[in-house]
C-alpha atoms as a PDB file:
ATOM      1  CA  MET A   1      -4.605   6.011 -18.870  1.00  0.00           C
ATOM      2  CA  ASN A   2      -3.140   7.637 -21.953  1.00  0.00           C
ATOM      3  CA  ARG A   3      -1.117  10.744 -20.944  1.00  0.00           C
ATOM      4  CA  LYS A   4      -1.961  12.496 -24.238  1.00  0.00           C
ATOM      5  CA  TYR A   5      -5.665  12.549 -23.400  1.00  0.00           C
ATOM      6  CA  ILE A   6      -5.046  13.582 -19.812  1.00  0.00           C
ATOM      7  CA  GLU A   7      -3.098  16.616 -21.001  1.00  0.00           C
ATOM      8  CA  GLU A   8      -5.655  17.548 -23.687  1.00  0.00           C
ATOM      9  CA  PHE A   9      -8.649  17.220 -21.382  1.00  0.00           C
ATOM     10  CA  SER A  10      -7.179  18.548 -18.154  1.00  0.00           C
ATOM     11  CA  LEU A  11      -9.640  19.002 -15.296  1.00  0.00           C
ATOM     12  CA  GLU A  12      -7.058  20.707 -13.092  1.00  0.00           C
ATOM     13  CA  GLY A  13      -8.739  23.054 -10.610  1.00  0.00           C
ATOM     14  CA  LYS A  14     -12.220  21.590 -11.205  1.00  0.00           C
ATOM     15  CA  VAL A  15     -14.465  19.838  -8.680  1.00  0.00           C
ATOM     16  CA  ILE A  16     -16.514  16.971 -10.105  1.00  0.00           C
ATOM     17  CA  VAL A  17     -19.414  15.285  -8.277  1.00  0.00           C
ATOM     18  CA  VAL A  18     -19.940  11.639  -9.196  1.00  0.00           C
ATOM     19  CA  THR A  19     -23.259  10.096  -8.201  1.00  0.00           C
ATOM     20  CA  GLY A  20     -23.281   6.328  -8.042  1.00  0.00           C
ATOM     21  CA  GLY A  21     -19.520   6.398  -7.694  1.00  0.00           C
ATOM     22  CA  THR A  22     -19.377   3.189  -5.707  1.00  0.00           C
ATOM     23  CA  GLY A  23     -20.447   0.992  -8.635  1.00  0.00           C
ATOM     24  CA  VAL A  24     -18.152  -0.514 -11.242  1.00  0.00           C
ATOM     25  CA  LEU A  25     -18.637   2.267 -13.811  1.00  0.00           C
ATOM     26  CA  GLY A  26     -18.668   5.005 -11.188  1.00  0.00           C
ATOM     27  CA  HIS A  27     -15.364   3.789  -9.786  1.00  0.00           C
ATOM     28  CA  ALA A  28     -13.836   3.877 -13.284  1.00  0.00           C
ATOM     29  CA  PHE A  29     -15.128   7.436 -13.735  1.00  0.00           C
ATOM     30  CA  ILE A  30     -13.593   8.467 -10.409  1.00  0.00           C
ATOM     31  CA  LYS A  31     -10.188   7.100 -11.401  1.00  0.00           C
ATOM     32  CA  GLY A  32     -10.240   8.813 -14.812  1.00  0.00           C
ATOM     33  CA  ILE A  33     -11.461  12.147 -13.478  1.00  0.00           C
ATOM     34  CA  ALA A  34      -8.877  12.150 -10.690  1.00  0.00           C
ATOM     35  CA  ALA A  35      -6.133  11.234 -13.171  1.00  0.00           C
ATOM     36  CA  ALA A  36      -7.153  14.299 -15.213  1.00  0.00           C
ATOM     37  CA  GLY A  37      -6.485  16.478 -12.157  1.00  0.00           C
ATOM     38  CA  ALA A  38      -9.945  17.138 -10.732  1.00  0.00           C
ATOM     39  CA  THR A  39     -11.027  16.986  -7.137  1.00  0.00           C
ATOM     40  CA  VAL A  40     -13.707  14.291  -6.940  1.00  0.00           C
ATOM     41  CA  ALA A  41     -16.722  14.207  -4.622  1.00  0.00           C
ATOM     42  CA  VAL A  42     -18.519  10.852  -4.482  1.00  0.00           C
ATOM     43  CA  LEU A  43     -22.192  10.492  -3.624  1.00  0.00           C
ATOM     44  CA  GLY A  44     -23.775   7.142  -2.997  1.00  0.00           C
ATOM     45  CA  ARG A  45     -26.281   5.390  -0.787  1.00  0.00           C
ATOM     46  CA  ASN A  46     -23.702   3.600   1.347  1.00  0.00           C
ATOM     47  CA  GLU A  47     -21.182   5.684   3.308  1.00  0.00           C
ATOM     48  CA  GLN A  48     -18.739   2.787   3.763  1.00  0.00           C
ATOM     49  CA  ALA A  49     -18.743   2.067   0.024  1.00  0.00           C
ATOM     50  CA  ASP A  50     -18.209   5.796  -0.646  1.00  0.00           C
ATOM     51  CA  ARG A  51     -15.143   5.747   1.592  1.00  0.00           C
ATOM     52  CA  ARG A  52     -13.766   2.624  -0.109  1.00  0.00           C
ATOM     53  CA  ALA A  53     -14.267   4.197  -3.550  1.00  0.00           C
ATOM     54  CA  THR A  54     -12.280   7.294  -2.590  1.00  0.00           C
ATOM     55  CA  GLY A  55      -9.707   5.571  -0.373  1.00  0.00           C
ATOM     56  CA  SER A  56     -10.614   7.750   2.622  1.00  0.00           C
END
């Protein structure tokens, strides 16, 4: 991800909830949001897929 945009659009100190985060687009959103410094909460219909998406 481009560092310039990360610095301009910092999400440091924010908590973002991503619904549908286990899908292809949701996973991309999670990566971008986390790279911008936010804490990410993932909501989905499948707990195992949620854990895989967040690496926990």
